[in-house]
Amino acid sequence: MINQVLYIDDDVTAQLIFRLASNKAAFATEVHTATNGQQALDYYQQLAEEQGNQSYPHLVLLDLDMPVMGGWEFLDNFMQTYYVQFPDTRVFIVSSTINPEDKQKAAQYACVLDFVSKPITSELLVTLSHRIEKQ
């Protein structure tokens, strides 16, 4: 079981589905959510300010298309500002469509493991859990 997960998606229904699937799959002890990239960066800023904080989400599930700040912009900012402080963070990009150009772009980010398709199911989370354990 993963200790903490951050699910970033502007769709509150998708967030609810993720929480339900996570509970069913016993995927994560704690699930944190953000509705856009800026809200997620604000969360990491708060964690960074808590000196010596060893507890943070080691897994992020990230939607790409969101208002305020999308997934790519979040990744750029996270890698530049927070990745050094939170180097064990791994990201799965969550998308309803997978553009081959997006896959190429994602490969440029050291923290991105792969793309996963919506909707998130408990079966998918079990598969991801096994993949993460092998890392």
Protein backbone atom coordinates (compact mmCIF):
# COMPACT_ATOMS: atom_id res chain seq x y z
CA MET A 1 0.00 0.00 0.00
CA ILE A 2 1.23 3.47 -0.86
CA ASN A 3 1.38 5.87 2.04
CA GLN A 4 0.24 9.09 0.32
CA VAL A 5 -1.11 9.88 -3.15
CA LEU A 6 -1.90 13.23 -4.73
CA TYR A 7 -4.64 13.12 -7.38
CA ILE A 8 -4.74 16.31 -9.50
CA ASP A 9 -7.87 16.68 -11.64
CA ASP A 10 -10.43 19.44 -12.06
CA ASP A 11 -13.24 16.89 -12.37
CA VAL A 12 -14.62 16.31 -8.87
CA THR A 13 -16.44 13.20 -10.10
CA ALA A 14 -13.11 11.75 -11.27
CA GLN A 15 -11.67 12.57 -7.84
CA LEU A 16 -14.54 10.74 -6.15
CA ILE A 17 -14.15 7.72 -8.45
CA PHE A 18 -10.43 7.69 -7.66
CA ARG A 19 -11.09 7.76 -3.90
CA LEU A 20 -13.62 4.92 -4.16
CA ALA A 21 -11.31 2.82 -6.36
CA SER A 22 -8.38 3.54 -4.04
CA ASN A 23 -10.35 2.36 -1.01
CA LYS A 24 -11.55 -0.77 -2.80
CA ALA A 25 -8.03 -1.65 -3.98
CA ALA A 26 -6.41 -0.72 -0.64
CA PHE A 27 -4.14 1.45 -2.79
CA ALA A 28 -3.23 4.34 -0.49
CA THR A 29 -3.35 5.19 3.17
CA GLU A 30 -3.98 8.88 2.44
CA VAL A 31 -5.42 10.52 -0.69
CA HIS A 32 -4.87 14.22 -1.24
CA THR A 33 -6.56 16.04 -4.10
CA ALA A 34 -6.09 19.25 -6.04
CA THR A 35 -8.33 20.69 -8.74
CA ASN A 36 -5.51 22.24 -10.80
CA GLY A 37 -1.76 22.48 -11.03
CA GLN A 38 -1.53 25.71 -9.08
CA GLN A 39 -3.41 24.24 -6.15
CA ALA A 40 -1.02 21.26 -6.21
CA LEU A 41 2.03 23.57 -6.28
CA ASP A 42 0.57 25.48 -3.32
CA TYR A 43 0.32 22.14 -1.50
CA TYR A 44 3.99 21.37 -2.23
CA GLN A 45 4.96 24.87 -1.10
CA GLN A 46 3.23 24.20 2.21
CA LEU A 47 5.08 20.88 2.54
CA ALA A 48 8.39 22.58 1.68
CA GLU A 49 7.84 25.18 4.40
CA GLU A 50 7.37 22.46 7.01
CA GLN A 51 11.06 21.97 7.78
CA GLY A 52 12.12 18.34 7.91
CA ASN A 53 8.81 17.02 6.58
CA GLN A 54 9.53 13.44 5.50
CA SER A 55 5.87 12.69 4.83
CA TYR A 56 4.74 13.64 1.35
CA PRO A 57 2.98 11.99 -1.60
CA HIS A 58 5.44 9.74 -3.41
CA LEU A 59 2.87 9.23 -6.15
CA VAL A 60 0.98 11.84 -8.17
CA LEU A 61 -1.78 11.06 -10.64
CA LEU A 62 -2.00 14.07 -12.94
CA ASP A 63 -4.63 15.16 -15.43
CA LEU A 64 -3.28 17.32 -18.26
CA ASP A 65 -6.23 19.49 -19.23
CA MET A 66 -7.27 21.73 -16.32
CA PRO A 67 -8.16 25.39 -15.82
CA VAL A 68 -5.82 27.82 -14.01
CA MET A 69 -2.76 25.59 -14.51
CA GLY A 70 -2.65 22.42 -16.58
CA GLY A 71 -0.59 19.30 -16.12
CA TRP A 72 2.38 20.25 -18.28
CA GLU A 73 2.80 23.59 -16.55
CA PHE A 74 2.54 21.85 -13.17
CA LEU A 75 5.29 19.40 -14.19
CA ASP A 76 7.55 22.22 -15.39
CA ASN A 77 7.12 24.12 -12.12
CA PHE A 78 7.37 21.04 -9.91
CA MET A 79 10.59 19.86 -11.57
CA GLN A 80 12.16 23.31 -11.37
CA THR A 81 11.12 24.18 -7.81
CA TYR A 82 10.23 21.10 -5.76
CA TYR A 83 11.70 17.93 -7.29
CA VAL A 84 15.02 18.42 -5.47
CA GLN A 85 13.21 18.50 -2.13
CA PHE A 86 10.80 15.67 -3.04
CA PRO A 87 12.97 13.41 -5.25
CA ASP A 88 11.01 10.20 -4.65
CA THR A 89 7.89 11.65 -6.29
CA ARG A 90 6.65 9.62 -9.26
CA VAL A 91 3.90 10.69 -11.64
CA PHE A 92 1.35 8.84 -13.71
CA ILE A 93 -0.37 11.08 -16.22
CA VAL A 94 -4.10 10.38 -16.27
CA SER A 95 -5.83 11.09 -19.55
CA SER A 96 -8.89 10.09 -21.51
CA THR A 97 -6.90 10.28 -24.75
CA ILE A 98 -3.26 9.55 -25.33
CA ASN A 99 -1.61 11.65 -27.99
CA PRO A 100 1.73 10.15 -29.19
CA GLU A 101 3.29 13.62 -28.91
CA ASP A 102 2.23 13.75 -25.26
CA LYS A 103 4.02 10.44 -24.63
CA GLN A 104 7.20 11.86 -26.17
CA LYS A 105 6.90 15.02 -24.10
CA ALA A 106 6.29 13.02 -20.91
CA ALA A 107 9.52 11.08 -21.47
CA GLN A 108 11.42 14.34 -20.89
CA TYR A 109 10.38 14.40 -17.22
CA ALA A 110 12.40 12.15 -14.92
CA CYS A 111 9.49 11.74 -12.51
CA VAL A 112 6.88 10.56 -15.07
CA LEU A 113 6.45 6.80 -15.13
CA ASP A 114 3.68 6.41 -17.71
CA PHE A 115 0.21 7.33 -18.92
CA VAL A 116 -2.93 5.69 -17.58
CA SER A 117 -6.37 5.96 -19.11
CA LYS A 118 -9.51 7.24 -17.43
CA PRO A 119 -11.61 6.10 -15.77
CA ILE A 120 -9.49 4.91 -12.85
CA THR A 121 -10.62 1.52 -11.59
CA SER A 122 -9.61 -0.54 -8.58
CA GLU A 123 -8.15 -3.14 -10.97
CA LEU A 124 -5.96 -0.48 -12.59
CA LEU A 125 -4.78 0.70 -9.17
CA VAL A 126 -3.80 -2.85 -8.21
CA THR A 127 -1.75 -3.04 -11.42
CA LEU A 128 -0.12 0.34 -10.71
CA SER A 129 0.66 -0.74 -7.17
CA HIS A 130 2.55 -3.78 -8.47
CA ARG A 131 4.45 -1.61 -10.96
CA ILE A 132 5.44 0.86 -8.25
CA GLU A 133 6.62 -1.90 -5.92
CA LYS A 134 9.01 -3.13 -8.65
CA GLN A 135 10.58 0.35 -8.99
